[in-house]
């Protein structure tokens, strides 16, 4: 089996790409933020936090005039609700397992490079059964100095996988992630097949294209023809 001459490594964002998690994440995040004194709409939560590292949420809370609860308790409070929902409801994105099977069959390496914390990724991978498949090819924003849209996590993943950035293909659902791929010197595909984008897919796809995505897909199986 040989690796594609064009793509030496496929780097997946995780939430909203390999797993259909963002509708759960953004909903529980909105509810928890309200408990801390930030009453944002669903659209505002999605626009402000989709694809960003957890530290961005804490920075936002820290900037509130008077949070209703201590900011340092936010992570444990939100994660308690989020992980309960993940364990009960989280599923791989339609087409994700088929795409991974194809990459294995043609010998194209792949990994995850996510804004999610190591803890969150571990819970989600276990809940969906994807953990054994990915093994140690899971990279979190916890491992680098800057989260997306900085390129740090993508460059870190490429270095760990021993593939040059120019040979990497990133699959992202967030403009911040597409921007990070551009900054890393990597190709990027936009993905709008997640439940959280169902009502805004065309407009969101345009935002992904504006931030470097060469095309936008709503079906992961279509990635096979773009490697």
Protein backbone atom coordinates (compact mmCIF):
# COMPACT_ATOMS: atom_id res chain seq x y z
CA UNK A 1 0.00 0.00 0.00
CA UNK A 2 1.30 3.43 -0.87
CA UNK A 3 0.51 6.90 0.37
CA UNK A 4 -1.05 9.35 -2.09
CA UNK A 5 1.59 11.43 -3.86
CA UNK A 6 -0.38 14.59 -3.10
CA UNK A 7 -1.42 13.98 0.51
CA UNK A 8 1.07 12.62 3.00
CA UNK A 9 -1.15 13.13 6.05
CA UNK A 10 -4.83 13.89 6.65
CA UNK A 11 -5.33 16.01 9.77
CA UNK A 12 -8.87 15.94 11.10
CA UNK A 13 -10.36 18.49 13.37
CA UNK A 14 -12.40 16.37 15.75
CA UNK A 15 -15.57 18.04 17.05
CA UNK A 16 -17.98 18.64 14.21
CA UNK A 17 -15.86 16.65 11.75
CA UNK A 18 -15.19 13.09 12.96
CA UNK A 19 -17.89 13.21 15.63
CA UNK A 20 -21.22 15.05 15.55
CA UNK A 21 -20.55 16.70 18.88
CA UNK A 22 -20.92 20.43 18.37
CA UNK A 23 -24.69 20.58 18.68
CA UNK A 24 -24.26 19.01 22.14
CA UNK A 25 -21.22 21.10 23.03
CA UNK A 26 -22.64 24.45 21.99
CA UNK A 27 -25.99 23.79 23.64
CA UNK A 28 -24.51 22.78 26.98
CA UNK A 29 -21.97 25.61 26.74
CA UNK A 30 -24.76 28.15 26.26
CA UNK A 31 -26.66 26.80 29.26
CA UNK A 32 -23.58 26.83 31.48
CA UNK A 33 -22.54 30.31 30.38
CA UNK A 34 -25.99 31.54 31.37
CA UNK A 35 -25.44 30.17 34.87
CA UNK A 36 -22.28 32.28 35.03
CA UNK A 37 -24.03 35.47 33.95
CA UNK A 38 -23.49 35.41 30.17
CA UNK A 39 -26.85 35.15 28.40
CA UNK A 40 -25.86 34.57 24.77
CA UNK A 41 -27.99 33.35 21.90
CA UNK A 42 -27.26 30.07 20.14
CA UNK A 43 -25.90 32.00 17.17
CA UNK A 44 -23.65 34.13 19.38
CA UNK A 45 -22.20 31.09 21.14
CA UNK A 46 -21.52 29.41 17.81
CA UNK A 47 -19.94 32.50 16.26
CA UNK A 48 -17.79 33.31 19.29
CA UNK A 49 -16.58 29.87 20.40
CA UNK A 50 -16.84 27.35 17.53
CA UNK A 51 -13.41 25.90 16.84
CA UNK A 52 -11.63 27.84 19.55
CA UNK A 53 -9.60 26.55 22.46
CA UNK A 54 -11.17 26.26 25.92
CA UNK A 55 -8.94 29.03 27.24
CA UNK A 56 -10.88 31.45 25.02
CA UNK A 57 -14.04 30.70 27.00
CA UNK A 58 -12.23 31.42 30.25
CA UNK A 59 -10.85 34.66 28.82
CA UNK A 60 -14.39 35.69 27.90
CA UNK A 61 -15.75 34.90 31.34
CA UNK A 62 -12.84 36.70 32.98
CA UNK A 63 -13.75 39.81 31.02
CA UNK A 64 -17.31 39.96 32.35
CA UNK A 65 -17.92 42.80 34.83
CA UNK A 66 -19.18 40.44 37.52
CA UNK A 67 -19.48 36.70 36.72
CA UNK A 68 -22.34 35.11 38.65
CA UNK A 69 -20.10 32.25 39.81
CA UNK A 70 -16.33 31.84 40.26
CA UNK A 71 -14.72 31.45 36.83
CA UNK A 72 -12.36 28.75 38.12
CA UNK A 73 -15.34 26.41 38.64
CA UNK A 74 -16.56 26.72 35.05
CA UNK A 75 -14.60 23.87 33.48
CA UNK A 76 -15.72 21.24 35.99
CA UNK A 77 -19.32 22.50 35.89
CA UNK A 78 -19.59 22.47 32.09
CA UNK A 79 -17.68 19.24 31.60
CA UNK A 80 -19.89 17.38 34.08
CA UNK A 81 -22.94 18.11 31.93
CA UNK A 82 -21.12 17.78 28.60
CA UNK A 83 -19.53 14.43 29.34
CA UNK A 84 -22.80 12.97 30.60
CA UNK A 85 -24.40 13.91 27.28
CA UNK A 86 -21.40 12.61 25.30
CA UNK A 87 -21.53 9.21 26.97
CA UNK A 88 -25.26 8.92 26.31
CA UNK A 89 -25.58 10.47 22.85
CA UNK A 90 -22.34 11.05 20.96
CA UNK A 91 -21.91 9.31 17.60
CA UNK A 92 -19.27 9.35 14.87
CA UNK A 93 -20.13 11.68 12.01
CA UNK A 94 -21.90 9.85 9.16
CA UNK A 95 -19.23 8.64 6.76
CA UNK A 96 -16.38 9.04 9.26
CA UNK A 97 -15.67 5.34 9.77
CA UNK A 98 -15.96 4.66 6.03
CA UNK A 99 -13.43 7.41 5.30
CA UNK A 100 -11.00 6.12 7.93
CA UNK A 101 -11.36 2.63 6.46
CA UNK A 102 -10.46 4.03 3.05
CA UNK A 103 -7.41 5.90 4.35
CA UNK A 104 -6.22 2.71 6.03
CA UNK A 105 -6.76 0.75 2.82
CA UNK A 106 -4.75 3.16 0.64
CA UNK A 107 -2.06 3.70 3.25
CA UNK A 108 -2.63 7.41 3.90
CA UNK A 109 -1.77 8.34 7.50
CA UNK A 110 -4.21 10.41 9.53
CA UNK A 111 -4.48 12.02 12.94
CA UNK A 112 -6.58 14.42 15.00
CA UNK A 113 -5.56 17.99 15.81
CA UNK A 114 -8.26 19.52 17.99
CA UNK A 115 -8.99 22.62 20.01
CA UNK A 116 -10.55 20.31 22.60
CA UNK A 117 -8.77 19.48 25.82
CA UNK A 118 -7.03 16.14 26.33
CA UNK A 119 -9.74 15.19 28.84
CA UNK A 120 -12.59 16.06 26.52
CA UNK A 121 -11.03 14.20 23.60
CA UNK A 122 -10.52 11.13 25.76
CA UNK A 123 -14.17 11.03 26.80
CA UNK A 124 -15.42 11.56 23.25
CA UNK A 125 -13.11 8.97 21.73
CA UNK A 126 -14.18 6.41 24.32
CA UNK A 127 -17.88 7.21 23.88
CA UNK A 128 -17.72 6.72 20.11
CA UNK A 129 -15.37 3.75 20.11
CA UNK A 130 -12.79 5.62 18.01
CA UNK A 131 -10.11 5.67 20.69
CA UNK A 132 -8.35 2.38 19.84
CA UNK A 133 -8.34 3.33 16.18
CA UNK A 134 -6.56 6.65 16.72
CA UNK A 135 -4.22 5.51 19.48
CA UNK A 136 -1.56 8.14 20.13
CA UNK A 137 -2.36 10.09 16.95
CA UNK A 138 -4.50 12.56 18.91
CA UNK A 139 -3.21 16.10 19.41
CA UNK A 140 -4.88 18.69 21.61
CA UNK A 141 -4.55 22.45 21.97
CA UNK A 142 -3.44 21.62 25.52
CA UNK A 143 -0.13 20.55 23.97
CA UNK A 144 0.77 23.89 22.36
CA UNK A 145 1.13 27.52 23.36
CA UNK A 146 -1.60 28.94 21.14
CA UNK A 147 -4.93 27.57 19.96
CA UNK A 148 -6.52 28.03 16.56
CA UNK A 149 -6.46 30.29 14.53
CA UNK A 150 -2.74 30.10 15.33
CA UNK A 151 -1.11 27.23 13.40
CA UNK A 152 0.59 25.67 16.44
CA UNK A 153 -1.53 22.53 16.81
CA UNK A 154 -1.34 21.65 13.10
CA UNK A 155 2.42 22.17 12.97
CA UNK A 156 2.82 20.13 16.14
CA UNK A 157 0.78 17.27 14.67
CA UNK A 158 2.70 17.32 11.38
CA UNK A 159 6.02 17.25 13.21
CA UNK A 160 4.90 14.38 15.44
CA UNK A 161 3.71 12.44 12.40
CA UNK A 162 6.93 13.30 10.51
CA UNK A 163 5.17 14.83 7.50
CA UNK A 164 5.99 18.20 5.93
CA UNK A 165 3.22 20.81 6.32
CA UNK A 166 2.88 21.22 2.55
CA UNK A 167 1.95 17.53 2.28
CA UNK A 168 -0.83 17.77 4.89
CA UNK A 169 -4.57 18.06 4.21
CA UNK A 170 -6.68 19.55 7.02
CA UNK A 171 -10.43 18.90 7.31
CA UNK A 172 -12.14 21.61 9.35
CA UNK A 173 -15.61 22.85 10.22
CA UNK A 174 -14.56 26.19 11.75
CA UNK A 175 -13.20 29.35 10.14
CA UNK A 176 -10.60 29.54 12.92
CA UNK A 177 -9.39 26.09 11.95
CA UNK A 178 -9.24 26.92 8.25
CA UNK A 179 -7.28 30.05 9.12
CA UNK A 180 -4.89 27.96 11.21
CA UNK A 181 -4.35 25.58 8.28
CA UNK A 182 -3.50 28.50 6.02
CA UNK A 183 -1.03 29.84 8.57
CA UNK A 184 0.55 26.38 8.80
CA UNK A 185 1.00 26.17 5.02
CA UNK A 186 -1.41 23.25 4.65
CA UNK A 187 -4.26 22.50 2.29
CA UNK A 188 -7.72 22.66 3.85
CA UNK A 189 -11.18 21.30 3.10
CA UNK A 190 -14.21 22.81 4.77
CA UNK A 191 -16.85 20.50 6.22
CA UNK A 192 -20.44 21.58 6.90
CA UNK A 193 -22.13 18.22 7.48
CA UNK A 194 -22.48 18.55 11.25
CA UNK A 195 -25.86 18.99 12.91
CA UNK A 196 -24.74 22.34 14.39
CA UNK A 197 -24.45 23.86 10.89
CA UNK A 198 -27.65 22.50 9.38
CA UNK A 199 -29.40 25.89 9.39
CA UNK A 200 -26.44 27.93 8.14
CA UNK A 201 -24.45 25.55 5.92
CA UNK A 202 -24.24 27.76 2.77
CA UNK A 203 -23.23 30.89 4.67
CA UNK A 204 -20.82 28.96 6.87
CA UNK A 205 -19.30 27.30 3.84
CA UNK A 206 -18.63 30.73 2.35
CA UNK A 207 -16.82 31.72 5.54
CA UNK A 208 -14.68 28.59 5.33
CA UNK A 209 -13.77 29.37 1.73
CA UNK A 210 -12.87 32.90 2.72
CA UNK A 211 -10.46 31.46 5.28
CA UNK A 212 -8.57 29.18 2.88
CA UNK A 213 -10.77 26.08 2.38
CA UNK A 214 -10.28 25.03 -1.24
CA UNK A 215 -13.74 23.47 -1.32
CA UNK A 216 -16.59 22.77 1.11
CA UNK A 217 -18.17 19.36 1.64
CA UNK A 218 -21.19 18.06 3.52
CA UNK A 219 -20.26 14.39 3.07
CA UNK A 220 -17.02 12.97 4.45
CA UNK A 221 -16.97 10.26 1.79
CA UNK A 222 -16.32 13.00 -0.79
CA UNK A 223 -12.88 13.52 0.75
CA UNK A 224 -11.68 10.39 -1.04
CA UNK A 225 -11.67 12.15 -4.39
CA UNK A 226 -9.65 15.12 -3.11
CA UNK A 227 -6.64 13.38 -1.61
